[in-house]
Amino acid sequence: MMIWGKATRSSLKTNFHFQDKPQNTKPIGGANQKSKIMNELENEPRSWWSKNWKWAVPLGGCFTIIVLGIILLGTAIFGFFSSVKSSSGSEKALQLAQQNPEVIEILGEPIEEDGIGSFSVNINNGLKTSEVILPIKGPKGEAMLHVKSRGSDDNTVYEIFELQVDETGELIDLKDSLE
């Protein structure tokens, strides 16, 4: 029964079918749009960084530390060998051999180092003794320069200053030509 302008409870039940959740109603305040955006974000593919940062950051940090350690160690080793080579007097010995007429006649010009030599330096109570075996080469051949010296850089006394030619095995004493 319906009264004009007012609906009674019994008339509402008969004319309308109520459900627990309405089917085609829009939520208030754009909540439906927020859920749409969240669904799109969940379905969007993730970048490489967002998937792998948990292992990439520690591994990258460790890798950086290892590389820096290798560079530091290489620099220290290179510095050590450079200081031993320079304090052994090998540059001065090579320079003397390059100016020696006998060596120039045997090896030709230019004369230069041919690889890594053997260097020994001992400093005891201010007295430096050094021994150098230096491979050298020129256009005509190769040889080993053997130098044994003592004293300071300014006052070097050569005990042995000789050249051994690789091809013939000939041993040439160059000590007399230094004076």
N, C-alpha and C. Protein backbone atom coordinates (compact mmCIF):
# COMPACT_ATOMS: atom_id res chain seq x y z
N MET A 1 0.80 -1.16 0.00
CA MET A 1 0.00 0.00 0.00
C MET A 1 0.84 1.23 0.00
N MET A 2 0.41 2.14 -0.78
CA MET A 2 1.17 3.34 -0.92
C MET A 2 0.34 4.56 -0.55
N ILE A 3 0.96 5.38 0.22
CA ILE A 3 0.32 6.62 0.59
C ILE A 3 1.00 7.69 -0.22
N TRP A 4 0.23 8.63 -0.65
CA TRP A 4 0.75 9.69 -1.52
C TRP A 4 1.88 10.43 -0.85
N GLY A 5 3.09 10.47 -1.50
CA GLY A 5 4.23 11.20 -1.00
C GLY A 5 5.11 10.43 -0.05
N LYS A 6 4.63 9.36 0.48
CA LYS A 6 5.41 8.57 1.42
C LYS A 6 5.40 7.11 0.99
N ALA A 7 6.53 6.47 1.20
CA ALA A 7 6.58 5.04 0.90
C ALA A 7 6.67 4.30 2.21
N THR A 8 5.92 3.29 2.29
CA THR A 8 5.97 2.48 3.50
C THR A 8 7.00 1.37 3.31
N ARG A 9 7.29 0.76 4.36
CA ARG A 9 8.31 -0.27 4.34
C ARG A 9 7.86 -1.46 3.50
N SER A 10 6.71 -1.81 3.58
CA SER A 10 6.21 -2.96 2.83
C SER A 10 6.19 -2.67 1.33
N SER A 11 5.90 -1.44 0.95
CA SER A 11 5.88 -1.11 -0.47
C SER A 11 7.30 -1.08 -1.05
N LEU A 12 8.29 -0.69 -0.25
CA LEU A 12 9.67 -0.66 -0.72
C LEU A 12 10.20 -2.07 -0.96
N LYS A 13 9.81 -2.98 -0.09
CA LYS A 13 10.27 -4.34 -0.23
C LYS A 13 9.70 -5.01 -1.46
N THR A 14 8.53 -4.68 -1.78
CA THR A 14 7.91 -5.33 -2.92
C THR A 14 8.35 -4.72 -4.23
N ASN A 15 8.61 -3.43 -4.26
CA ASN A 15 8.96 -2.78 -5.51
C ASN A 15 10.47 -2.82 -5.81
N PHE A 16 11.31 -2.88 -4.82
CA PHE A 16 12.77 -2.86 -5.00
C PHE A 16 13.38 -4.13 -4.43
N HIS A 17 14.41 -4.59 -5.10
CA HIS A 17 15.14 -5.77 -4.61
C HIS A 17 16.48 -5.28 -4.09
N PHE A 18 16.67 -5.34 -2.80
CA PHE A 18 17.93 -4.91 -2.19
C PHE A 18 18.92 -6.07 -2.16
N GLN A 19 20.20 -5.73 -2.39
CA GLN A 19 21.27 -6.72 -2.27
C GLN A 19 22.27 -6.20 -1.26
N ASP A 20 23.21 -7.09 -0.86
CA ASP A 20 24.24 -6.67 0.11
C ASP A 20 25.14 -5.58 -0.48
N LYS A 21 25.55 -5.74 -1.76
CA LYS A 21 26.41 -4.75 -2.41
C LYS A 21 25.73 -4.29 -3.68
N PRO A 22 25.64 -3.03 -3.89
CA PRO A 22 25.07 -2.55 -5.15
C PRO A 22 26.03 -2.84 -6.31
N GLN A 23 25.49 -3.18 -7.49
CA GLN A 23 26.32 -3.60 -8.61
C GLN A 23 26.85 -2.44 -9.43
N ASN A 24 26.10 -1.55 -9.85
CA ASN A 24 26.53 -0.52 -10.77
C ASN A 24 26.60 0.85 -10.13
N THR A 25 27.16 0.92 -8.97
CA THR A 25 27.28 2.22 -8.33
C THR A 25 28.74 2.63 -8.34
N LYS A 26 28.99 3.89 -8.47
CA LYS A 26 30.34 4.43 -8.46
C LYS A 26 30.69 4.88 -7.05
N PRO A 27 31.91 4.53 -6.59
CA PRO A 27 32.31 4.97 -5.25
C PRO A 27 32.51 6.48 -5.22
N ILE A 28 32.36 7.01 -4.06
CA ILE A 28 32.48 8.45 -3.88
C ILE A 28 33.96 8.82 -3.77
N GLY A 29 34.38 9.94 -4.41
CA GLY A 29 35.72 10.49 -4.24
C GLY A 29 36.77 9.87 -5.13
N GLY A 30 36.46 9.18 -6.15
CA GLY A 30 37.42 8.64 -7.10
C GLY A 30 38.19 7.44 -6.61
N ALA A 31 37.65 6.68 -5.68
CA ALA A 31 38.33 5.49 -5.17
C ALA A 31 38.52 4.47 -6.27
N ASN A 32 37.61 4.43 -7.21
CA ASN A 32 37.71 3.49 -8.33
C ASN A 32 38.94 3.81 -9.19
N GLN A 33 39.24 5.09 -9.37
CA GLN A 33 40.41 5.49 -10.16
C GLN A 33 41.70 5.08 -9.46
N LYS A 34 41.75 5.21 -8.13
CA LYS A 34 42.94 4.81 -7.39
C LYS A 34 43.19 3.31 -7.53
N SER A 35 42.15 2.52 -7.44
CA SER A 35 42.35 1.07 -7.57
C SER A 35 42.78 0.71 -8.98
N LYS A 36 42.30 1.46 -9.99
CA LYS A 36 42.72 1.22 -11.37
C LYS A 36 44.21 1.49 -11.53
N ILE A 37 44.69 2.59 -10.95
CA ILE A 37 46.11 2.95 -11.03
C ILE A 37 46.96 1.90 -10.31
N MET A 38 46.52 1.43 -9.17
CA MET A 38 47.26 0.42 -8.43
C MET A 38 47.35 -0.87 -9.23
N ASN A 39 46.26 -1.26 -9.89
CA ASN A 39 46.29 -2.47 -10.72
C ASN A 39 47.25 -2.31 -11.88
N GLU A 40 47.30 -1.13 -12.49
CA GLU A 40 48.21 -0.90 -13.60
C GLU A 40 49.66 -0.95 -13.14
N LEU A 41 49.97 -0.40 -11.94
CA LEU A 41 51.32 -0.43 -11.42
C LEU A 41 51.77 -1.85 -11.09
N GLU A 42 50.86 -2.66 -10.57
CA GLU A 42 51.20 -4.03 -10.25
C GLU A 42 51.46 -4.85 -11.50
N ASN A 43 50.79 -4.56 -12.58
CA ASN A 43 50.94 -5.31 -13.81
C ASN A 43 52.06 -4.78 -14.69
N GLU A 44 52.57 -3.57 -14.41
CA GLU A 44 53.63 -2.97 -15.21
C GLU A 44 54.94 -3.72 -14.97
N PRO A 45 55.74 -4.04 -16.04
CA PRO A 45 56.99 -4.75 -15.83
C PRO A 45 58.00 -3.90 -15.06
N ARG A 46 58.73 -4.55 -14.13
CA ARG A 46 59.70 -3.84 -13.31
C ARG A 46 61.02 -3.71 -14.05
N SER A 47 61.78 -2.66 -13.75
CA SER A 47 63.07 -2.42 -14.39
C SER A 47 64.11 -3.40 -13.82
N TRP A 48 65.26 -3.50 -14.53
CA TRP A 48 66.33 -4.38 -14.08
C TRP A 48 66.81 -3.95 -12.71
N TRP A 49 66.97 -2.66 -12.49
CA TRP A 49 67.48 -2.15 -11.21
C TRP A 49 66.54 -2.48 -10.06
N SER A 50 65.23 -2.33 -10.28
CA SER A 50 64.29 -2.61 -9.19
C SER A 50 64.25 -4.09 -8.85
N LYS A 51 64.56 -4.95 -9.80
CA LYS A 51 64.59 -6.39 -9.53
C LYS A 51 65.90 -6.83 -8.88
N ASN A 52 67.03 -6.20 -9.25
CA ASN A 52 68.34 -6.74 -8.90
C ASN A 52 69.18 -5.87 -7.97
N TRP A 53 68.68 -4.79 -7.45
CA TRP A 53 69.50 -3.88 -6.65
C TRP A 53 70.02 -4.53 -5.38
N LYS A 54 69.30 -5.49 -4.84
CA LYS A 54 69.69 -6.09 -3.56
C LYS A 54 71.00 -6.87 -3.66
N TRP A 55 71.31 -7.44 -4.81
CA TRP A 55 72.59 -8.12 -4.97
C TRP A 55 73.60 -7.26 -5.74
N ALA A 56 73.12 -6.33 -6.57
CA ALA A 56 74.03 -5.52 -7.39
C ALA A 56 74.81 -4.50 -6.56
N VAL A 57 74.18 -3.93 -5.56
CA VAL A 57 74.85 -2.92 -4.73
C VAL A 57 76.01 -3.53 -3.94
N PRO A 58 75.80 -4.63 -3.19
CA PRO A 58 76.94 -5.20 -2.46
C PRO A 58 78.04 -5.74 -3.40
N LEU A 59 77.61 -6.38 -4.50
CA LEU A 59 78.59 -6.92 -5.43
C LEU A 59 79.39 -5.81 -6.10
N GLY A 60 78.73 -4.74 -6.49
CA GLY A 60 79.43 -3.59 -7.09
C GLY A 60 80.39 -2.95 -6.11
N GLY A 61 80.00 -2.84 -4.86
CA GLY A 61 80.88 -2.28 -3.84
C GLY A 61 82.10 -3.15 -3.60
N CYS A 62 81.90 -4.46 -3.51
CA CYS A 62 83.03 -5.37 -3.33
C CYS A 62 83.94 -5.35 -4.54
N PHE A 63 83.36 -5.33 -5.73
CA PHE A 63 84.15 -5.29 -6.96
C PHE A 63 84.99 -4.01 -7.00
N THR A 64 84.41 -2.89 -6.61
CA THR A 64 85.14 -1.63 -6.60
C THR A 64 86.31 -1.69 -5.62
N ILE A 65 86.10 -2.24 -4.45
CA ILE A 65 87.16 -2.35 -3.45
C ILE A 65 88.27 -3.26 -3.95
N ILE A 66 87.92 -4.37 -4.60
CA ILE A 66 88.93 -5.30 -5.13
C ILE A 66 89.75 -4.62 -6.22
N VAL A 67 89.09 -3.92 -7.14
CA VAL A 67 89.80 -3.25 -8.23
C VAL A 67 90.74 -2.17 -7.68
N LEU A 68 90.26 -1.39 -6.72
CA LEU A 68 91.12 -0.37 -6.12
C LEU A 68 92.31 -1.00 -5.40
N GLY A 69 92.10 -2.14 -4.74
CA GLY A 69 93.19 -2.84 -4.08
C GLY A 69 94.24 -3.34 -5.06
N ILE A 70 93.79 -3.87 -6.20
CA ILE A 70 94.73 -4.34 -7.23
C ILE A 70 95.52 -3.17 -7.79
N ILE A 71 94.85 -2.05 -8.05
CA ILE A 71 95.55 -0.87 -8.56
C ILE A 71 96.58 -0.37 -7.55
N LEU A 72 96.20 -0.32 -6.29
CA LEU A 72 97.13 0.12 -5.23
C LEU A 72 98.33 -0.82 -5.12
N LEU A 73 98.08 -2.12 -5.15
CA LEU A 73 99.17 -3.10 -5.07
C LEU A 73 100.09 -2.99 -6.28
N GLY A 74 99.53 -2.85 -7.47
CA GLY A 74 100.34 -2.70 -8.68
C GLY A 74 101.20 -1.45 -8.63
N THR A 75 100.63 -0.36 -8.14
CA THR A 75 101.38 0.88 -8.02
C THR A 75 102.53 0.73 -7.01
N ALA A 76 102.27 0.06 -5.90
CA ALA A 76 103.32 -0.15 -4.89
C ALA A 76 104.45 -1.02 -5.45
N ILE A 77 104.09 -2.08 -6.15
CA ILE A 77 105.12 -2.96 -6.72
C ILE A 77 105.94 -2.23 -7.77
N PHE A 78 105.27 -1.49 -8.65
CA PHE A 78 105.97 -0.72 -9.67
C PHE A 78 106.90 0.32 -9.04
N GLY A 79 106.43 0.99 -8.01
CA GLY A 79 107.25 1.99 -7.31
C GLY A 79 108.46 1.36 -6.65
N PHE A 80 108.27 0.19 -6.06
CA PHE A 80 109.39 -0.50 -5.41
C PHE A 80 110.46 -0.88 -6.44
N PHE A 81 110.05 -1.50 -7.53
CA PHE A 81 111.03 -1.91 -8.55
C PHE A 81 111.70 -0.71 -9.22
N SER A 82 110.95 0.37 -9.39
CA SER A 82 111.56 1.58 -9.96
C SER A 82 112.62 2.16 -9.04
N SER A 83 112.34 2.16 -7.75
CA SER A 83 113.32 2.71 -6.80
C SER A 83 114.57 1.82 -6.72
N VAL A 84 114.40 0.50 -6.76
CA VAL A 84 115.56 -0.40 -6.73
C VAL A 84 116.38 -0.21 -8.00
N LYS A 85 115.71 -0.11 -9.13
CA LYS A 85 116.42 0.05 -10.41
C LYS A 85 117.19 1.37 -10.44
N SER A 86 116.56 2.44 -9.98
CA SER A 86 117.25 3.74 -10.02
C SER A 86 118.39 3.81 -9.01
N SER A 87 118.24 3.18 -7.85
CA SER A 87 119.31 3.25 -6.86
C SER A 87 120.44 2.27 -7.18
N SER A 88 120.21 1.33 -8.09
CA SER A 88 121.27 0.37 -8.44
C SER A 88 122.30 0.98 -9.39
N GLY A 89 121.97 2.08 -10.02
CA GLY A 89 122.90 2.72 -10.94
C GLY A 89 122.83 2.16 -12.35
N SER A 90 121.77 1.45 -12.67
CA SER A 90 121.68 0.83 -13.99
C SER A 90 121.56 1.86 -15.11
N GLU A 91 120.89 2.99 -14.85
CA GLU A 91 120.79 4.04 -15.88
C GLU A 91 122.16 4.61 -16.22
N LYS A 92 122.96 4.83 -15.18
CA LYS A 92 124.31 5.37 -15.40
C LYS A 92 125.18 4.35 -16.14
N ALA A 93 125.04 3.07 -15.77
CA ALA A 93 125.81 2.03 -16.44
C ALA A 93 125.41 1.91 -17.90
N LEU A 94 124.11 2.00 -18.19
CA LEU A 94 123.65 1.95 -19.58
C LEU A 94 124.17 3.15 -20.36
N GLN A 95 124.15 4.30 -19.74
CA GLN A 95 124.65 5.51 -20.40
C GLN A 95 126.15 5.39 -20.71
N LEU A 96 126.92 4.84 -19.77
CA LEU A 96 128.35 4.64 -20.01
C LEU A 96 128.59 3.63 -21.14
N ALA A 97 127.75 2.57 -21.18
CA ALA A 97 127.90 1.57 -22.25
C ALA A 97 127.52 2.17 -23.60
N GLN A 98 126.53 3.05 -23.62
CA GLN A 98 126.11 3.68 -24.88
C GLN A 98 127.20 4.61 -25.43
N GLN A 99 128.05 5.14 -24.57
CA GLN A 99 129.12 6.06 -25.00
C GLN A 99 130.45 5.35 -25.25
N ASN A 100 130.53 4.06 -24.91
CA ASN A 100 131.78 3.33 -25.05
C ASN A 100 132.00 2.91 -26.51
N PRO A 101 133.16 3.25 -27.12
CA PRO A 101 133.41 2.92 -28.52
C PRO A 101 133.45 1.42 -28.80
N GLU A 102 133.95 0.61 -27.85
CA GLU A 102 134.00 -0.84 -28.06
C GLU A 102 132.60 -1.43 -28.15
N VAL A 103 131.71 -0.97 -27.26
CA VAL A 103 130.32 -1.47 -27.24
C VAL A 103 129.61 -1.04 -28.52
N ILE A 104 129.85 0.20 -28.95
CA ILE A 104 129.23 0.71 -30.18
C ILE A 104 129.70 -0.12 -31.37
N GLU A 105 130.99 -0.49 -31.38
CA GLU A 105 131.52 -1.29 -32.49
C GLU A 105 130.89 -2.68 -32.53
N ILE A 106 130.64 -3.27 -31.37
CA ILE A 106 130.10 -4.63 -31.30
C ILE A 106 128.58 -4.65 -31.56
N LEU A 107 127.84 -3.74 -30.91
CA LEU A 107 126.38 -3.77 -30.98
C LEU A 107 125.78 -2.78 -31.98
N GLY A 108 126.51 -1.77 -32.36
CA GLY A 108 125.98 -0.73 -33.23
C GLY A 108 125.23 0.32 -32.42
N GLU A 109 124.70 1.30 -33.12
CA GLU A 109 123.92 2.35 -32.43
C GLU A 109 122.51 2.38 -33.01
N PRO A 110 121.50 2.64 -32.28
CA PRO A 110 121.41 2.98 -30.86
C PRO A 110 121.44 1.71 -29.99
N ILE A 111 121.95 1.87 -28.79
CA ILE A 111 121.99 0.79 -27.81
C ILE A 111 120.90 1.08 -26.77
N GLU A 112 120.09 0.06 -26.50
CA GLU A 112 118.99 0.25 -25.54
C GLU A 112 118.80 -1.02 -24.71
N GLU A 113 118.01 -0.89 -23.64
CA GLU A 113 117.71 -2.04 -22.78
C GLU A 113 116.89 -3.05 -23.58
N ASP A 114 117.08 -4.31 -23.22
CA ASP A 114 116.35 -5.38 -23.90
C ASP A 114 115.68 -6.27 -22.85
N GLY A 115 114.72 -5.74 -22.17
CA GLY A 115 114.00 -6.52 -21.17
C GLY A 115 114.33 -6.09 -19.76
N ILE A 116 113.91 -6.93 -18.83
CA ILE A 116 114.10 -6.65 -17.41
C ILE A 116 115.39 -7.31 -16.96
N GLY A 117 116.19 -6.57 -16.26
CA GLY A 117 117.45 -7.09 -15.77
C GLY A 117 117.34 -7.61 -14.35
N SER A 118 118.48 -7.89 -13.77
CA SER A 118 118.57 -8.33 -12.39
C SER A 118 119.27 -7.23 -11.60
N PHE A 119 118.66 -6.84 -10.48
CA PHE A 119 119.18 -5.72 -9.69
C PHE A 119 119.32 -6.14 -8.24
N SER A 120 120.44 -5.77 -7.64
CA SER A 120 120.67 -6.04 -6.23
C SER A 120 121.31 -4.81 -5.61
N VAL A 121 120.69 -4.30 -4.56
CA VAL A 121 121.20 -3.11 -3.88
C VAL A 121 121.29 -3.43 -2.39
N ASN A 122 122.43 -3.09 -1.79
CA ASN A 122 122.63 -3.30 -0.36
C ASN A 122 123.23 -2.03 0.22
N ILE A 123 122.58 -1.48 1.23
CA ILE A 123 123.10 -0.29 1.91
C ILE A 123 123.36 -0.68 3.36
N ASN A 124 124.64 -0.59 3.77
CA ASN A 124 125.04 -0.97 5.11
C ASN A 124 125.93 0.13 5.69
N ASN A 125 125.46 0.78 6.76
CA ASN A 125 126.18 1.88 7.41
C ASN A 125 126.55 2.98 6.42
N GLY A 126 125.64 3.28 5.52
CA GLY A 126 125.87 4.37 4.56
C GLY A 126 126.65 3.97 3.33
N LEU A 127 127.18 2.75 3.29
CA LEU A 127 127.94 2.30 2.12
C LEU A 127 127.01 1.48 1.22
N LYS A 128 126.86 1.93 0.00
CA LYS A 128 125.96 1.26 -0.94
C LYS A 128 126.77 0.38 -1.87
N THR A 129 126.36 -0.88 -1.97
CA THR A 129 126.92 -1.79 -2.98
C THR A 129 125.77 -2.25 -3.86
N SER A 130 126.04 -2.31 -5.14
CA SER A 130 124.98 -2.75 -6.06
C SER A 130 125.56 -3.65 -7.13
N GLU A 131 124.70 -4.52 -7.62
CA GLU A 131 125.07 -5.42 -8.70
C GLU A 131 123.93 -5.43 -9.71
N VAL A 132 124.29 -5.23 -10.98
CA VAL A 132 123.29 -5.14 -12.03
C VAL A 132 123.69 -6.06 -13.17
N ILE A 133 122.74 -6.83 -13.64
CA ILE A 133 122.91 -7.60 -14.87
C ILE A 133 121.80 -7.12 -15.79
N LEU A 134 122.19 -6.42 -16.85
CA LEU A 134 121.22 -5.72 -17.70
C LEU A 134 121.34 -6.21 -19.15
N PRO A 135 120.29 -6.78 -19.71
CA PRO A 135 120.34 -7.15 -21.13
C PRO A 135 120.22 -5.89 -21.99
N ILE A 136 121.12 -5.75 -22.96
CA ILE A 136 121.08 -4.60 -23.87
C ILE A 136 121.13 -5.12 -25.31
N LYS A 137 120.69 -4.28 -26.23
CA LYS A 137 120.71 -4.69 -27.64
C LYS A 137 121.00 -3.48 -28.52
N GLY A 138 121.50 -3.79 -29.68
CA GLY A 138 121.75 -2.81 -30.72
C GLY A 138 121.40 -3.43 -32.06
N PRO A 139 121.58 -2.70 -33.15
CA PRO A 139 121.24 -3.24 -34.47
C PRO A 139 122.08 -4.45 -34.87
N LYS A 140 123.31 -4.56 -34.34
CA LYS A 140 124.20 -5.65 -34.74
C LYS A 140 124.12 -6.88 -33.83
N GLY A 141 123.50 -6.75 -32.63
CA GLY A 141 123.42 -7.90 -31.74
C GLY A 141 122.93 -7.55 -30.35
N GLU A 142 123.02 -8.56 -29.48
CA GLU A 142 122.56 -8.43 -28.10
C GLU A 142 123.68 -8.82 -27.15
N ALA A 143 123.63 -8.29 -25.92
CA ALA A 143 124.67 -8.58 -24.94
C ALA A 143 124.10 -8.40 -23.52
N MET A 144 124.87 -8.87 -22.55
CA MET A 144 124.52 -8.68 -21.13
C MET A 144 125.57 -7.78 -20.51
N LEU A 145 125.12 -6.72 -19.86
CA LEU A 145 126.01 -5.78 -19.19
C LEU A 145 126.03 -6.16 -17.71
N HIS A 146 127.21 -6.49 -17.18
CA HIS A 146 127.34 -6.88 -15.78
C HIS A 146 128.15 -5.81 -15.05
N VAL A 147 127.50 -5.19 -14.05
CA VAL A 147 128.14 -4.10 -13.33
C VAL A 147 128.03 -4.37 -11.84
N LYS A 148 129.16 -4.25 -11.15
CA LYS A 148 129.17 -4.34 -9.69
C LYS A 148 129.89 -3.10 -9.19
N SER A 149 129.20 -2.33 -8.32
CA SER A 149 129.78 -1.07 -7.86
C SER A 149 129.55 -0.89 -6.37
N ARG A 150 130.32 0.06 -5.82
CA ARG A 150 130.14 0.44 -4.41
C ARG A 150 130.40 1.92 -4.27
N GLY A 151 129.91 2.49 -3.19
CA GLY A 151 130.10 3.92 -2.95
C GLY A 151 128.79 4.68 -3.13
N SER A 152 128.89 5.98 -2.97
CA SER A 152 127.69 6.82 -3.12
C SER A 152 127.46 7.14 -4.58
N ASP A 153 126.35 7.81 -4.88
CA ASP A 153 126.03 8.15 -6.26
C ASP A 153 127.07 9.09 -6.87
N ASP A 154 127.62 9.99 -6.07
CA ASP A 154 128.63 10.93 -6.56
C ASP A 154 130.00 10.28 -6.71
N ASN A 155 130.31 9.34 -5.83
CA ASN A 155 131.63 8.72 -5.80
C ASN A 155 131.48 7.21 -5.98
N THR A 156 131.18 6.77 -7.19
CA THR A 156 130.96 5.36 -7.47
C THR A 156 132.26 4.71 -7.94
N VAL A 157 132.58 3.57 -7.32
CA VAL A 157 133.75 2.78 -7.72
C VAL A 157 133.22 1.49 -8.34
N TYR A 158 133.60 1.26 -9.59
CA TYR A 158 133.14 0.06 -10.30
C TYR A 158 134.14 -1.06 -10.07
N GLU A 159 133.68 -2.13 -9.44
CA GLU A 159 134.51 -3.31 -9.24
C GLU A 159 134.48 -4.18 -10.49
N ILE A 160 133.32 -4.31 -11.08
CA ILE A 160 133.15 -5.08 -12.32
C ILE A 160 132.31 -4.22 -13.27
N PHE A 161 132.79 -4.09 -14.49
CA PHE A 161 132.03 -3.40 -15.54
C PHE A 161 132.40 -4.11 -16.84
N GLU A 162 131.60 -5.13 -17.18
CA GLU A 162 131.94 -5.93 -18.34
C GLU A 162 130.71 -6.24 -19.19
N LEU A 163 130.98 -6.59 -20.42
CA LEU A 163 129.94 -6.88 -21.40
C LEU A 163 130.16 -8.29 -21.92
N GLN A 164 129.11 -9.09 -21.92
CA GLN A 164 129.19 -10.43 -22.49
C GLN A 164 128.29 -10.48 -23.71
N VAL A 165 128.89 -10.69 -24.86
CA VAL A 165 128.15 -10.73 -26.12
C VAL A 165 127.43 -12.07 -26.22
N ASP A 166 126.13 -12.03 -26.52
CA ASP A 166 125.31 -13.25 -26.54
C ASP A 166 125.73 -14.21 -27.66
N GLU A 167 126.00 -13.70 -28.84
CA GLU A 167 126.27 -14.56 -29.99
C GLU A 167 127.59 -15.32 -29.86
N THR A 168 128.63 -14.65 -29.41
CA THR A 168 129.96 -15.28 -29.34
C THR A 168 130.34 -15.71 -27.94
N GLY A 169 129.67 -15.19 -26.91
CA GLY A 169 130.03 -15.50 -25.53
C GLY A 169 131.28 -14.74 -25.08
N GLU A 170 131.77 -13.84 -25.93
CA GLU A 170 132.97 -13.05 -25.64
C GLU A 170 132.71 -12.13 -24.45
N LEU A 171 133.69 -12.06 -23.53
CA LEU A 171 133.59 -11.21 -22.33
C LEU A 171 134.56 -10.06 -22.49
N ILE A 172 134.02 -8.82 -22.51
CA ILE A 172 134.83 -7.62 -22.72
C ILE A 172 134.82 -6.80 -21.45
N ASP A 173 136.00 -6.53 -20.90
CA ASP A 173 136.12 -5.74 -19.69
C ASP A 173 136.12 -4.26 -20.07
N LEU A 174 135.13 -3.54 -19.57
CA LEU A 174 134.99 -2.11 -19.90
C LEU A 174 135.44 -1.21 -18.75
N LYS A 175 135.93 -1.78 -17.67
CA LYS A 175 136.31 -1.01 -16.49
C LYS A 175 137.47 -0.06 -16.81
N ASP A 176 138.40 -0.49 -17.62
CA ASP A 176 139.56 0.36 -17.93
C ASP A 176 139.15 1.57 -18.78
N SER A 177 138.12 1.44 -19.58
CA SER A 177 137.72 2.56 -20.43
C SER A 177 136.91 3.61 -19.68
N LEU A 178 136.54 3.36 -18.41
CA LEU A 178 135.77 4.33 -17.63
C LEU A 178 136.63 5.46 -17.12
N GLU A 179 137.92 5.22 -16.90
CA GLU A 179 138.78 6.21 -16.25
C GLU A 179 139.38 7.19 -17.20
